[in-house]
Amino acid sequence: MNTLTDWKLQGSYFEACNCETACPCIWLQPPSEGNCKLLVAWHIDNGHLNGESLDNLNVALACFSPGHMKDGNWQAALYVDEHASDEQFNAVTEIYSGKHGGHPAVLMSFVTEIWGIRKVKIDYYAHGNQRELTIPGIAEMAVESIQGIQDGEATIENPPLCVVTSHPAVVARSSNYAYHDFNKSWKFSNRNSYFSQFTYQP
């Protein structure tokens, strides 16, 4: 792992999985259905790796955990914005594969099998308490936040396991979540979701 590079990503993210709200995996408990089928999306508002700008790129990760997430053995596929140049594609792939350290390296330490890495059209939409992702022919995800008892959104901060450590996670629920690629296929609704801003760096 190379931790001597200059890189940073900032933007917004959201995820959905097949667990009931709220996902027990972040508390190091078994997934509610015995396995976890996770889809994560990021929009990079500002980012760079060394001198390469990564601004305004979208990234997605499909992930399958066959059992308890803390035990590893995750399988995953990475999707990078079709608007990325070859240099940007390589930079994003290196960061999200964990090559340059930071929290992506922590997440990738659980992954033992990579289905593939693809450059695709990724539409990412964020407005108010709603988030949507579309990867044509591959994935769809739409979520909406859950309101807390004291008005505003319900949040979770500093759980033992999470996709983003830099910001509290807003608890949400999916209205649609479908994935079809690499001989995998699933579709769910009314399941767990989280979203927030994010910052990744070494």
C-alpha atoms as a PDB file:
ATOM      1  CA  MET A   1       0.000   0.000   0.000  1.00  0.00           C
ATOM      2  CA  ASN A   2       1.299   3.452  -0.951  1.00  0.00           C
ATOM      3  CA  THR A   3       0.450   6.083   1.663  1.00  0.00           C
ATOM      4  CA  LEU A   4       2.917   8.702   0.422  1.00  0.00           C
ATOM      5  CA  THR A   5       0.682  10.106  -2.315  1.00  0.00           C
ATOM      6  CA  ASP A   6      -1.281  13.351  -2.130  1.00  0.00           C
ATOM      7  CA  TRP A   7      -4.976  12.592  -2.458  1.00  0.00           C
ATOM      8  CA  LYS A   8      -8.340  13.623  -1.066  1.00  0.00           C
ATOM      9  CA  LEU A   9     -11.990  13.072  -2.032  1.00  0.00           C
ATOM     10  CA  GLN A  10     -14.973  15.092  -0.805  1.00  0.00           C
ATOM     11  CA  GLY A  11     -18.614  14.878  -1.790  1.00  0.00           C
ATOM     12  CA  SER A  12     -21.795  12.988  -0.997  1.00  0.00           C
ATOM     13  CA  TYR A  13     -22.600   9.314  -0.798  1.00  0.00           C
ATOM     14  CA  PHE A  14     -25.493   6.924  -0.178  1.00  0.00           C
ATOM     15  CA  GLU A  15     -26.014   3.193   0.137  1.00  0.00           C
ATOM     16  CA  ALA A  16     -28.741   0.578   0.335  1.00  0.00           C
ATOM     17  CA  CYS A  17     -28.747  -3.100   1.212  1.00  0.00           C
ATOM     18  CA  ASN A  18     -31.139  -5.971   1.853  1.00  0.00           C
ATOM     19  CA  CYS A  19     -31.057  -5.622   5.654  1.00  0.00           C
ATOM     20  CA  GLU A  20     -34.074  -4.343   7.535  1.00  0.00           C
ATOM     21  CA  THR A  21     -33.847  -0.783   8.828  1.00  0.00           C
ATOM     22  CA  ALA A  22     -31.482  -0.154  10.426  1.00  0.00           C
ATOM     23  CA  CYS A  23     -28.718  -2.471   9.257  1.00  0.00           C
ATOM     24  CA  PRO A  24     -27.268  -4.514  12.148  1.00  0.00           C
ATOM     25  CA  CYS A  25     -23.971  -4.992  10.287  1.00  0.00           C
ATOM     26  CA  ILE A  26     -22.667  -1.570  11.346  1.00  0.00           C
ATOM     27  CA  TRP A  27     -22.958  -2.753  14.970  1.00  0.00           C
ATOM     28  CA  LEU A  28     -20.991  -5.931  14.135  1.00  0.00           C
ATOM     29  CA  GLN A  29     -24.141  -8.038  14.332  1.00  0.00           C
ATOM     30  CA  PRO A  30     -25.228 -10.636  11.732  1.00  0.00           C
ATOM     31  CA  PRO A  31     -27.115  -9.298   8.694  1.00  0.00           C
ATOM     32  CA  SER A  32     -30.877  -9.623   9.057  1.00  0.00           C
ATOM     33  CA  GLU A  33     -31.155 -12.080   6.141  1.00  0.00           C
ATOM     34  CA  GLY A  34     -27.936 -14.027   6.692  1.00  0.00           C
ATOM     35  CA  ASN A  35     -26.013 -12.184   3.978  1.00  0.00           C
ATOM     36  CA  CYS A  36     -25.616  -8.592   2.826  1.00  0.00           C
ATOM     37  CA  LYS A  37     -26.224  -7.332  -0.700  1.00  0.00           C
ATOM     38  CA  LEU A  38     -24.881  -3.796  -0.664  1.00  0.00           C
ATOM     39  CA  LEU A  39     -24.795  -1.030  -3.258  1.00  0.00           C
ATOM     40  CA  VAL A  40     -22.885   2.192  -2.566  1.00  0.00           C
ATOM     41  CA  ALA A  41     -22.711   5.368  -4.661  1.00  0.00           C
ATOM     42  CA  TRP A  42     -20.430   8.390  -4.351  1.00  0.00           C
ATOM     43  CA  HIS A  43     -20.457  11.772  -6.087  1.00  0.00           C
ATOM     44  CA  ILE A  44     -17.049  13.402  -5.848  1.00  0.00           C
ATOM     45  CA  ASP A  45     -17.517  17.168  -5.632  1.00  0.00           C
ATOM     46  CA  ASN A  46     -13.816  17.845  -5.164  1.00  0.00           C
ATOM     47  CA  GLY A  47     -11.032  15.323  -5.466  1.00  0.00           C
ATOM     48  CA  HIS A  48      -7.504  14.712  -6.633  1.00  0.00           C
ATOM     49  CA  LEU A  49      -4.739  12.158  -6.699  1.00  0.00           C
ATOM     50  CA  ASN A  50      -1.398  13.903  -6.932  1.00  0.00           C
ATOM     51  CA  GLY A  51      -1.946  16.327  -9.825  1.00  0.00           C
ATOM     52  CA  GLU A  52      -4.976  14.568 -11.327  1.00  0.00           C
ATOM     53  CA  SER A  53      -8.342  16.278 -10.696  1.00  0.00           C
ATOM     54  CA  LEU A  54     -11.227  13.937  -9.871  1.00  0.00           C
ATOM     55  CA  ASP A  55     -13.902  16.629  -9.522  1.00  0.00           C
ATOM     56  CA  ASN A  56     -17.505  15.844 -10.466  1.00  0.00           C
ATOM     57  CA  LEU A  57     -17.057  12.111 -11.013  1.00  0.00           C
ATOM     58  CA  ASN A  58     -19.462   9.392  -9.863  1.00  0.00           C
ATOM     59  CA  VAL A  59     -18.400   6.034  -8.453  1.00  0.00           C
ATOM     60  CA  ALA A  60     -20.402   2.973  -7.375  1.00  0.00           C
ATOM     61  CA  LEU A  61     -19.583  -0.285  -5.623  1.00  0.00           C
ATOM     62  CA  ALA A  62     -21.702  -3.433  -5.586  1.00  0.00           C
ATOM     63  CA  CYS A  63     -20.800  -5.761  -2.754  1.00  0.00           C
ATOM     64  CA  PHE A  64     -21.922  -9.172  -1.519  1.00  0.00           C
ATOM     65  CA  SER A  65     -21.043 -10.491   1.927  1.00  0.00           C
ATOM     66  CA  PRO A  66     -21.929 -14.197   2.286  1.00  0.00           C
ATOM     67  CA  GLY A  67     -22.269 -13.978   6.065  1.00  0.00           C
ATOM     68  CA  HIS A  68     -21.226 -11.801   8.983  1.00  0.00           C
ATOM     69  CA  MET A  69     -19.648  -8.692   7.413  1.00  0.00           C
ATOM     70  CA  LYS A  70     -16.932  -8.382  10.031  1.00  0.00           C
ATOM     71  CA  ASP A  71     -15.651 -11.825   8.971  1.00  0.00           C
ATOM     72  CA  GLY A  72     -14.741 -10.570   5.488  1.00  0.00           C
ATOM     73  CA  ASN A  73     -14.946 -12.691   2.328  1.00  0.00           C
ATOM     74  CA  TRP A  74     -16.770  -9.850   0.576  1.00  0.00           C
ATOM     75  CA  GLN A  75     -17.166  -9.963  -3.200  1.00  0.00           C
ATOM     76  CA  ALA A  76     -17.349  -6.682  -5.092  1.00  0.00           C
ATOM     77  CA  ALA A  77     -17.550  -4.846  -8.411  1.00  0.00           C
ATOM     78  CA  LEU A  78     -16.438  -1.257  -8.955  1.00  0.00           C
ATOM     79  CA  TYR A  79     -18.088   1.138 -11.413  1.00  0.00           C
ATOM     80  CA  VAL A  80     -16.413   4.371 -12.533  1.00  0.00           C
ATOM     81  CA  ASP A  81     -18.005   7.319 -14.332  1.00  0.00           C
ATOM     82  CA  GLU A  82     -17.839   7.075 -18.124  1.00  0.00           C
ATOM     83  CA  HIS A  83     -16.767  10.728 -18.189  1.00  0.00           C
ATOM     84  CA  ALA A  84     -13.481   9.833 -16.499  1.00  0.00           C
ATOM     85  CA  SER A  85     -10.376  10.023 -18.657  1.00  0.00           C
ATOM     86  CA  ASP A  86      -8.029   7.060 -18.632  1.00  0.00           C
ATOM     87  CA  GLU A  87      -5.880   8.870 -16.080  1.00  0.00           C
ATOM     88  CA  GLN A  88      -8.887   9.644 -13.873  1.00  0.00           C
ATOM     89  CA  PHE A  89     -10.166   6.080 -14.207  1.00  0.00           C
ATOM     90  CA  ASN A  90      -6.820   4.729 -13.024  1.00  0.00           C
ATOM     91  CA  ALA A  91      -6.684   7.210 -10.143  1.00  0.00           C
ATOM     92  CA  VAL A  92     -10.202   6.389  -8.935  1.00  0.00           C
ATOM     93  CA  THR A  93      -9.531   2.667  -9.245  1.00  0.00           C
ATOM     94  CA  GLU A  94      -6.317   2.970  -7.245  1.00  0.00           C
ATOM     95  CA  ILE A  95      -7.984   4.947  -4.438  1.00  0.00           C
ATOM     96  CA  TYR A  96     -11.074   2.741  -4.160  1.00  0.00           C
ATOM     97  CA  SER A  97      -8.981  -0.434  -4.312  1.00  0.00           C
ATOM     98  CA  GLY A  98      -7.191   0.797  -1.201  1.00  0.00           C
ATOM     99  CA  LYS A  99      -3.785   1.293  -2.800  1.00  0.00           C
ATOM    100  CA  HIS A 100      -3.362   4.753  -1.276  1.00  0.00           C
ATOM    101  CA  GLY A 101      -4.591   4.041   2.234  1.00  0.00           C
ATOM    102  CA  GLY A 102      -7.340   5.847   4.132  1.00  0.00           C
ATOM    103  CA  HIS A 103     -10.788   4.403   4.782  1.00  0.00           C
ATOM    104  CA  PRO A 104     -11.083   2.831   1.290  1.00  0.00           C
ATOM    105  CA  ALA A 105      -8.161   0.592   2.269  1.00  0.00           C
ATOM    106  CA  VAL A 106     -10.016  -0.434   5.428  1.00  0.00           C
ATOM    107  CA  LEU A 107     -13.110  -1.365   3.430  1.00  0.00           C
ATOM    108  CA  MET A 108     -11.141  -3.246   0.778  1.00  0.00           C
ATOM    109  CA  SER A 109      -9.387  -5.285   3.448  1.00  0.00           C
ATOM    110  CA  PHE A 110     -12.681  -7.195   3.791  1.00  0.00           C
ATOM    111  CA  VAL A 111     -12.865  -7.982   0.042  1.00  0.00           C
ATOM    112  CA  THR A 112     -11.446 -11.283  -1.186  1.00  0.00           C
ATOM    113  CA  GLU A 113     -12.965 -11.453  -4.699  1.00  0.00           C
ATOM    114  CA  ILE A 114     -13.348  -8.734  -7.338  1.00  0.00           C
ATOM    115  CA  TRP A 115     -16.021  -9.461  -9.944  1.00  0.00           C
ATOM    116  CA  GLY A 116     -14.763  -6.679 -12.179  1.00  0.00           C
ATOM    117  CA  ILE A 117     -14.146  -2.967 -12.715  1.00  0.00           C
ATOM    118  CA  ARG A 118     -16.118  -1.118 -15.369  1.00  0.00           C
ATOM    119  CA  LYS A 119     -16.399   2.382 -16.800  1.00  0.00           C
ATOM    120  CA  VAL A 120     -20.132   3.056 -17.214  1.00  0.00           C
ATOM    121  CA  LYS A 121     -22.742   5.771 -17.356  1.00  0.00           C
ATOM    122  CA  ILE A 122     -23.635   6.688 -13.762  1.00  0.00           C
ATOM    123  CA  ASP A 123     -26.439   9.123 -12.957  1.00  0.00           C
ATOM    124  CA  TYR A 124     -26.342  10.378  -9.360  1.00  0.00           C
ATOM    125  CA  TYR A 125     -29.121  12.576  -7.991  1.00  0.00           C
ATOM    126  CA  ALA A 126     -29.293  14.248  -4.574  1.00  0.00           C
ATOM    127  CA  HIS A 127     -32.025  16.652  -3.524  1.00  0.00           C
ATOM    128  CA  GLY A 128     -33.300  17.358  -0.040  1.00  0.00           C
ATOM    129  CA  ASN A 129     -33.931  14.077   1.743  1.00  0.00           C
ATOM    130  CA  GLN A 130     -33.842  11.932  -1.416  1.00  0.00           C
ATOM    131  CA  ARG A 131     -31.015  10.218  -3.292  1.00  0.00           C
ATOM    132  CA  GLU A 132     -31.121   8.290  -6.570  1.00  0.00           C
ATOM    133  CA  LEU A 133     -28.642   6.289  -8.636  1.00  0.00           C
ATOM    134  CA  THR A 134     -29.010   4.808 -12.101  1.00  0.00           C
ATOM    135  CA  ILE A 135     -26.473   2.714 -13.981  1.00  0.00           C
ATOM    136  CA  PRO A 136     -28.399   1.787 -17.143  1.00  0.00           C
ATOM    137  CA  GLY A 137     -28.936  -1.948 -17.456  1.00  0.00           C
ATOM    138  CA  ILE A 138     -27.065  -2.642 -14.219  1.00  0.00           C
ATOM    139  CA  ALA A 139     -28.392  -0.868 -11.138  1.00  0.00           C
ATOM    140  CA  GLU A 140     -31.096   1.382  -9.749  1.00  0.00           C
ATOM    141  CA  MET A 141     -31.331   2.782  -6.242  1.00  0.00           C
ATOM    142  CA  ALA A 142     -33.692   5.363  -4.717  1.00  0.00           C
ATOM    143  CA  VAL A 143     -33.850   6.227  -1.019  1.00  0.00           C
ATOM    144  CA  GLU A 144     -35.459   8.740   1.325  1.00  0.00           C
ATOM    145  CA  SER A 145     -34.404   9.721   4.828  1.00  0.00           C
ATOM    146  CA  ILE A 146     -36.309   8.781   7.983  1.00  0.00           C
ATOM    147  CA  GLN A 147     -37.378  11.661  10.202  1.00  0.00           C
ATOM    148  CA  GLY A 148     -36.268  11.737  13.821  1.00  0.00           C
ATOM    149  CA  ILE A 149     -38.477  12.244  16.872  1.00  0.00           C
ATOM    150  CA  GLN A 150     -37.138  15.788  17.428  1.00  0.00           C
ATOM    151  CA  ASP A 151     -37.711  16.905  13.836  1.00  0.00           C
ATOM    152  CA  GLY A 152     -34.936  16.719  11.273  1.00  0.00           C
ATOM    153  CA  GLU A 153     -33.301  13.546  10.077  1.00  0.00           C
ATOM    154  CA  ALA A 154     -32.372  10.550  12.230  1.00  0.00           C
ATOM    155  CA  THR A 155     -28.613   9.996  12.310  1.00  0.00           C
ATOM    156  CA  ILE A 156     -26.020   7.481  13.492  1.00  0.00           C
ATOM    157  CA  GLU A 157     -22.495   8.557  14.426  1.00  0.00           C
ATOM    158  CA  ASN A 158     -19.296   6.548  14.950  1.00  0.00           C
ATOM    159  CA  PRO A 159     -20.566   2.949  14.610  1.00  0.00           C
ATOM    160  CA  PRO A 160     -17.941   0.166  14.626  1.00  0.00           C
ATOM    161  CA  LEU A 161     -18.320  -0.507  10.882  1.00  0.00           C
ATOM    162  CA  CYS A 162     -19.395   1.955   8.189  1.00  0.00           C
ATOM    163  CA  VAL A 163     -18.697   3.197   4.669  1.00  0.00           C
ATOM    164  CA  VAL A 164     -18.059   6.784   5.791  1.00  0.00           C
ATOM    165  CA  THR A 165     -16.289   7.759   9.017  1.00  0.00           C
ATOM    166  CA  SER A 166     -16.038  11.512   8.464  1.00  0.00           C
ATOM    167  CA  HIS A 167     -19.734  12.423   8.858  1.00  0.00           C
ATOM    168  CA  PRO A 168     -22.778  11.094  10.758  1.00  0.00           C
ATOM    169  CA  ALA A 169     -24.950   8.816   8.634  1.00  0.00           C
ATOM    170  CA  VAL A 170     -28.532   9.855   7.915  1.00  0.00           C
ATOM    171  CA  VAL A 171     -30.828   6.863   8.351  1.00  0.00           C
ATOM    172  CA  ALA A 172     -32.952   6.275   5.266  1.00  0.00           C
ATOM    173  CA  ARG A 173     -35.129   3.667   3.606  1.00  0.00           C
ATOM    174  CA  SER A 174     -35.018   2.491   0.011  1.00  0.00           C
ATOM    175  CA  SER A 175     -38.018   2.749  -2.269  1.00  0.00           C
ATOM    176  CA  ASN A 176     -36.173   0.844  -4.983  1.00  0.00           C
ATOM    177  CA  TYR A 177     -32.935  -1.111  -5.129  1.00  0.00           C
ATOM    178  CA  ALA A 178     -32.041  -3.415  -8.018  1.00  0.00           C
ATOM    179  CA  TYR A 179     -28.768  -4.854  -9.280  1.00  0.00           C
ATOM    180  CA  HIS A 180     -28.075  -7.105 -12.273  1.00  0.00           C
ATOM    181  CA  ASP A 181     -24.476  -7.803 -13.346  1.00  0.00           C
ATOM    182  CA  PHE A 182     -21.727 -10.440 -13.233  1.00  0.00           C
ATOM    183  CA  ASN A 183     -24.359 -13.195 -13.069  1.00  0.00           C
ATOM    184  CA  LYS A 184     -25.787 -11.647  -9.897  1.00  0.00           C
ATOM    185  CA  SER A 185     -29.356 -10.392  -9.665  1.00  0.00           C
ATOM    186  CA  TRP A 186     -31.440  -9.004  -6.815  1.00  0.00           C
ATOM    187  CA  LYS A 187     -34.180  -6.482  -6.210  1.00  0.00           C
ATOM    188  CA  PHE A 188     -35.540  -5.049  -2.967  1.00  0.00           C
ATOM    189  CA  SER A 189     -37.639  -2.207  -1.629  1.00  0.00           C
ATOM    190  CA  ASN A 190     -38.337  -0.762   1.808  1.00  0.00           C
ATOM    191  CA  ARG A 191     -34.956  -1.811   3.189  1.00  0.00           C
ATOM    192  CA  ASN A 192     -32.014  -0.186   4.921  1.00  0.00           C
ATOM    193  CA  SER A 193     -30.213   2.865   3.577  1.00  0.00           C
ATOM    194  CA  TYR A 194     -27.798   5.558   4.753  1.00  0.00           C
ATOM    195  CA  PHE A 195     -26.480   8.767   3.235  1.00  0.00           C
ATOM    196  CA  SER A 196     -24.184  11.656   4.145  1.00  0.00           C
ATOM    197  CA  GLN A 197     -21.377  13.858   2.974  1.00  0.00           C
ATOM    198  CA  PHE A 198     -17.984  12.180   2.936  1.00  0.00           C
ATOM    199  CA  THR A 199     -14.296  12.944   3.099  1.00  0.00           C
ATOM    200  CA  TYR A 200     -11.649  10.340   2.285  1.00  0.00           C
ATOM    201  CA  GLN A 201      -7.951  10.982   2.632  1.00  0.00           C
ATOM    202  CA  PRO A 202      -4.807   9.107   3.755  1.00  0.00           C
END
